Amino acid sequence: MSRSLEITILSAEDLRVNKKSIKKNAFVTLKTDASSAVRTTRMDVNGGSYPTWNEKVIMDVPLHASFITLEVNYKAMMGINSVGISRIPISDIVGGYVPQNQVQFLSYRLWDRKIKRNGVINFSVRLVVPPPEDWPASYEIKQAKEEMKMSSSGLFEHDQVMESKVNQNNPKNNVICVPVWLRHCISFFKFSFIFGFVYKKNKKKVCD
């Protein structure tokens, strides 16, 4: 079992190696303590020690995972070098008072291999909540109910509108709802047609 997290790696600040600012080619790797899978962002070639990515990553995080590791690296002539690591507890992201599907913007300190502070990484994260099995029918029914509650505008009236329900013969399961103004228009045209027909018939009899 796992849950999906949408993580957007935004940027980093004040990245250094041996007390010198890095020049380019910074990128971020993402992984959890419960899986060997690693996700990687693109390289930033222009930002230097203040790179920007704005890259979205979807991660399947096992339920027993405890934290997510974000590691900033950069590519040099001699290979890949680590700049700093930040471990994000899952409890900081999931649970608590944060509503599900709510985007959180976070900034965490990076620590180098010598356990010294080395910059900050900025990112956003949200728990991806799957839609219900009967989507989109359940969502449309909910929307129809909300519209009925707003009947004070006069556009929809709960007592005079056809019952909102899922049309079983409709392959798209669309909710059917008839606005009151349309019902009134239909009634008016029916009345006009019947009145005109009766008037013409009586007029013809008088002339005969």
Protein backbone atom coordinates (compact mmCIF):
# COMPACT_ATOMS: atom_id res chain seq x y z
CA MET A 1 0.00 0.00 0.00
CA SER A 2 1.17 3.50 -0.80
CA ARG A 3 -0.05 7.06 -1.16
CA SER A 4 0.82 9.60 -3.83
CA LEU A 5 2.49 12.90 -3.05
CA GLU A 6 2.76 15.74 -5.53
CA ILE A 7 6.05 17.50 -4.76
CA THR A 8 7.08 20.61 -6.66
CA ILE A 9 10.76 21.46 -6.26
CA LEU A 10 10.78 25.25 -6.46
CA SER A 11 14.26 26.60 -5.75
CA ALA A 12 17.29 26.61 -3.46
CA GLU A 13 19.32 29.36 -1.82
CA ASP A 14 22.97 29.98 -0.98
CA LEU A 15 24.43 26.69 -2.18
CA ARG A 16 28.15 26.30 -1.52
CA VAL A 17 30.88 23.70 -1.80
CA ASN A 18 34.03 24.23 0.28
CA LYS A 19 32.67 27.66 1.19
CA LYS A 20 32.50 28.65 -2.48
CA SER A 21 29.23 29.32 -4.31
CA ILE A 22 28.42 26.77 -6.99
CA LYS A 23 28.21 28.12 -10.53
CA LYS A 24 25.71 25.90 -12.37
CA ASN A 25 24.28 22.42 -13.04
CA ALA A 26 22.44 21.98 -9.74
CA PHE A 27 19.69 19.35 -9.54
CA VAL A 28 17.64 17.56 -6.87
CA THR A 29 17.06 13.87 -6.15
CA LEU A 30 14.07 12.60 -4.16
CA LYS A 31 13.64 9.27 -2.40
CA THR A 32 12.05 7.73 0.69
CA ASP A 33 13.52 5.56 3.42
CA ALA A 34 11.12 2.75 2.46
CA SER A 35 11.92 2.46 -1.24
CA SER A 36 14.96 2.36 -3.49
CA ALA A 37 13.21 4.38 -6.21
CA VAL A 38 14.87 7.75 -6.93
CA ARG A 39 13.37 10.70 -8.79
CA THR A 40 15.53 13.43 -10.29
CA THR A 41 14.83 16.97 -11.47
CA ARG A 42 16.43 18.65 -14.45
CA MET A 43 19.65 20.63 -14.06
CA ASP A 44 19.56 24.37 -13.55
CA VAL A 45 22.29 25.83 -15.75
CA ASN A 46 21.86 29.53 -15.04
CA GLY A 47 20.93 30.02 -11.38
CA GLY A 48 24.33 29.36 -9.85
CA SER A 49 24.04 29.11 -6.05
CA TYR A 50 20.37 30.22 -6.27
CA PRO A 51 18.91 27.69 -8.73
CA THR A 52 15.26 27.50 -9.75
CA TRP A 53 13.47 24.39 -11.01
CA ASN A 54 9.68 24.71 -10.51
CA GLU A 55 9.47 21.03 -11.40
CA LYS A 56 6.60 18.80 -10.31
CA VAL A 57 7.22 15.20 -9.26
CA ILE A 58 4.63 12.57 -8.33
CA MET A 59 5.97 10.10 -5.75
CA ASP A 60 4.35 6.89 -4.56
CA VAL A 61 5.26 6.80 -0.88
CA PRO A 62 4.78 3.52 1.05
CA LEU A 63 2.53 3.80 4.09
CA HIS A 64 5.33 2.65 6.38
CA ALA A 65 7.75 5.33 5.13
CA SER A 66 9.00 7.74 7.80
CA PHE A 67 10.61 10.51 5.78
CA ILE A 68 11.50 11.81 2.32
CA THR A 69 15.07 12.75 1.47
CA LEU A 70 15.77 15.73 -0.79
CA GLU A 71 19.39 16.00 -1.89
CA VAL A 72 20.82 18.87 -3.90
CA ASN A 73 23.72 17.91 -6.16
CA TYR A 74 25.66 19.61 -8.90
CA LYS A 75 27.57 18.30 -11.88
CA ALA A 76 31.23 19.33 -12.17
CA MET A 77 34.02 18.30 -14.51
CA MET A 78 35.09 15.56 -12.09
CA GLY A 79 31.59 14.14 -11.62
CA ILE A 80 28.57 14.57 -9.38
CA ASN A 81 29.02 16.30 -6.02
CA SER A 82 26.56 16.51 -3.15
CA VAL A 83 25.75 20.01 -1.88
CA GLY A 84 23.29 19.28 0.91
CA ILE A 85 20.60 16.92 2.20
CA SER A 86 17.29 17.53 3.93
CA ARG A 87 15.11 14.80 5.44
CA ILE A 88 11.41 15.68 5.55
CA PRO A 89 9.32 13.71 8.08
CA ILE A 90 6.14 12.32 6.53
CA SER A 91 4.30 13.55 9.63
CA ASP A 92 5.13 17.12 8.55
CA ILE A 93 3.19 16.57 5.33
CA VAL A 94 0.39 14.11 6.05
CA GLY A 95 -2.04 14.30 8.95
CA GLY A 96 -2.38 16.93 11.61
CA TYR A 97 -4.58 19.93 10.90
CA VAL A 98 -3.73 20.22 7.19
CA PRO A 99 -6.75 19.31 4.99
CA GLN A 100 -6.25 16.58 2.44
CA ASN A 101 -5.34 17.79 -1.04
CA GLN A 102 -4.15 21.11 0.45
CA VAL A 103 -0.90 22.49 -1.02
CA GLN A 104 1.78 23.31 1.56
CA PHE A 105 4.75 25.58 0.81
CA LEU A 106 7.79 24.59 2.85
CA SER A 107 11.44 25.56 3.26
CA TYR A 108 14.01 23.26 4.89
CA ARG A 109 17.64 23.66 5.84
CA LEU A 110 20.20 21.68 3.83
CA TRP A 111 23.06 19.91 5.60
CA ASP A 112 26.29 18.85 3.90
CA ARG A 113 28.30 15.66 4.47
CA LYS A 114 30.09 17.29 7.39
CA ILE A 115 26.73 18.03 9.03
CA LYS A 116 27.11 21.75 8.47
CA ARG A 117 24.41 24.10 7.28
CA ASN A 118 24.60 24.64 3.56
CA GLY A 119 21.68 26.53 2.08
CA VAL A 120 17.91 26.14 1.97
CA ILE A 121 15.56 24.24 -0.34
CA ASN A 122 12.05 25.50 -1.13
CA PHE A 123 9.28 23.22 -2.30
CA SER A 124 5.54 22.60 -2.19
CA VAL A 125 3.76 19.34 -1.46
CA ARG A 126 0.24 17.97 -1.32
CA LEU A 127 -1.36 14.60 -0.77
CA VAL A 128 -3.05 13.42 -3.96
CA VAL A 129 -6.54 12.22 -3.02
CA PRO A 130 -8.02 9.83 -5.61
CA PRO A 131 -11.57 10.62 -6.86
CA PRO A 132 -14.49 8.38 -5.78
CA GLU A 133 -15.24 5.30 -7.87
CA ASP A 134 -18.48 6.78 -9.23
CA TRP A 135 -16.80 9.99 -10.41
CA PRO A 136 -18.03 12.18 -12.11
CA ALA A 137 -21.64 11.29 -11.22
CA SER A 138 -21.20 11.82 -7.48
CA TYR A 139 -19.54 15.20 -8.04
CA GLU A 140 -22.32 16.41 -10.35
CA ILE A 141 -25.00 15.33 -7.88
CA LYS A 142 -23.21 17.29 -5.16
CA GLN A 143 -23.05 20.34 -7.42
CA ALA A 144 -26.76 20.06 -8.21
CA LYS A 145 -27.60 19.95 -4.50
CA GLU A 146 -25.49 23.06 -3.89
CA GLU A 147 -27.37 24.88 -6.64
CA MET A 148 -30.70 23.92 -5.07
CA LYS A 149 -29.58 25.35 -1.75
CA MET A 150 -28.99 28.67 -3.51
CA SER A 151 -32.62 28.87 -4.60
CA SER A 152 -32.97 32.38 -3.17
CA SER A 153 -31.66 33.73 -6.48
CA GLY A 154 -34.82 32.46 -8.17
CA LEU A 155 -32.98 30.56 -10.87
CA PHE A 156 -33.62 27.17 -9.30
CA GLU A 157 -36.34 26.06 -6.88
CA HIS A 158 -36.19 22.73 -5.11
CA ASP A 159 -39.97 22.22 -5.03
CA GLN A 160 -40.61 23.12 -8.67
CA VAL A 161 -37.64 21.62 -10.43
CA MET A 162 -37.57 18.07 -11.73
CA GLU A 163 -35.85 15.78 -9.26
CA SER A 164 -32.07 15.87 -9.84
CA LYS A 165 -30.92 12.36 -10.39
CA VAL A 166 -28.55 10.32 -12.48
CA ASN A 167 -30.04 9.28 -15.78
CA GLN A 168 -29.44 5.55 -15.92
CA ASN A 169 -29.87 5.54 -19.72
CA ASN A 170 -27.26 8.23 -20.18
CA PRO A 171 -23.80 6.67 -20.68
CA LYS A 172 -22.19 9.80 -19.21
CA ASN A 173 -24.36 9.66 -16.08
CA ASN A 174 -25.08 13.38 -16.32
CA VAL A 175 -27.30 14.99 -13.71
CA ILE A 176 -30.55 16.30 -15.19
CA CYS A 177 -31.93 19.53 -13.77
CA VAL A 178 -34.59 21.79 -15.36
CA PRO A 179 -34.38 25.53 -14.56
CA VAL A 180 -37.61 27.17 -13.46
CA TRP A 181 -37.43 29.97 -16.02
CA LEU A 182 -37.38 27.38 -18.82
CA ARG A 183 -40.41 25.62 -17.34
CA HIS A 184 -42.26 28.93 -17.20
CA CYS A 185 -41.39 29.68 -20.83
CA ILE A 186 -42.70 26.29 -21.94
CA SER A 187 -45.93 26.85 -19.99
CA PHE A 188 -46.37 30.31 -21.54
CA PHE A 189 -45.94 29.02 -25.09
CA LYS A 190 -48.38 26.20 -24.41
CA PHE A 191 -50.95 28.68 -23.08
CA SER A 192 -50.42 31.02 -26.05
CA PHE A 193 -50.82 28.20 -28.53
CA ILE A 194 -54.03 26.86 -26.93
CA PHE A 195 -55.53 30.34 -26.52
CA GLY A 196 -54.76 31.25 -30.13
CA PHE A 197 -56.24 28.01 -31.42
CA VAL A 198 -59.48 28.44 -29.46
CA TYR A 199 -59.77 32.12 -30.47
CA LYS A 200 -59.39 31.32 -34.18
CA LYS A 201 -61.92 28.49 -33.95
CA ASN A 202 -64.54 30.69 -32.24
CA LYS A 203 -63.90 33.53 -34.69
CA LYS A 204 -64.48 31.17 -37.61
CA LYS A 205 -67.81 30.03 -36.16
CA VAL A 206 -68.99 33.66 -35.73
CA CYS A 207 -68.06 34.49 -39.33
CA ASP A 208 -69.93 31.42 -40.63
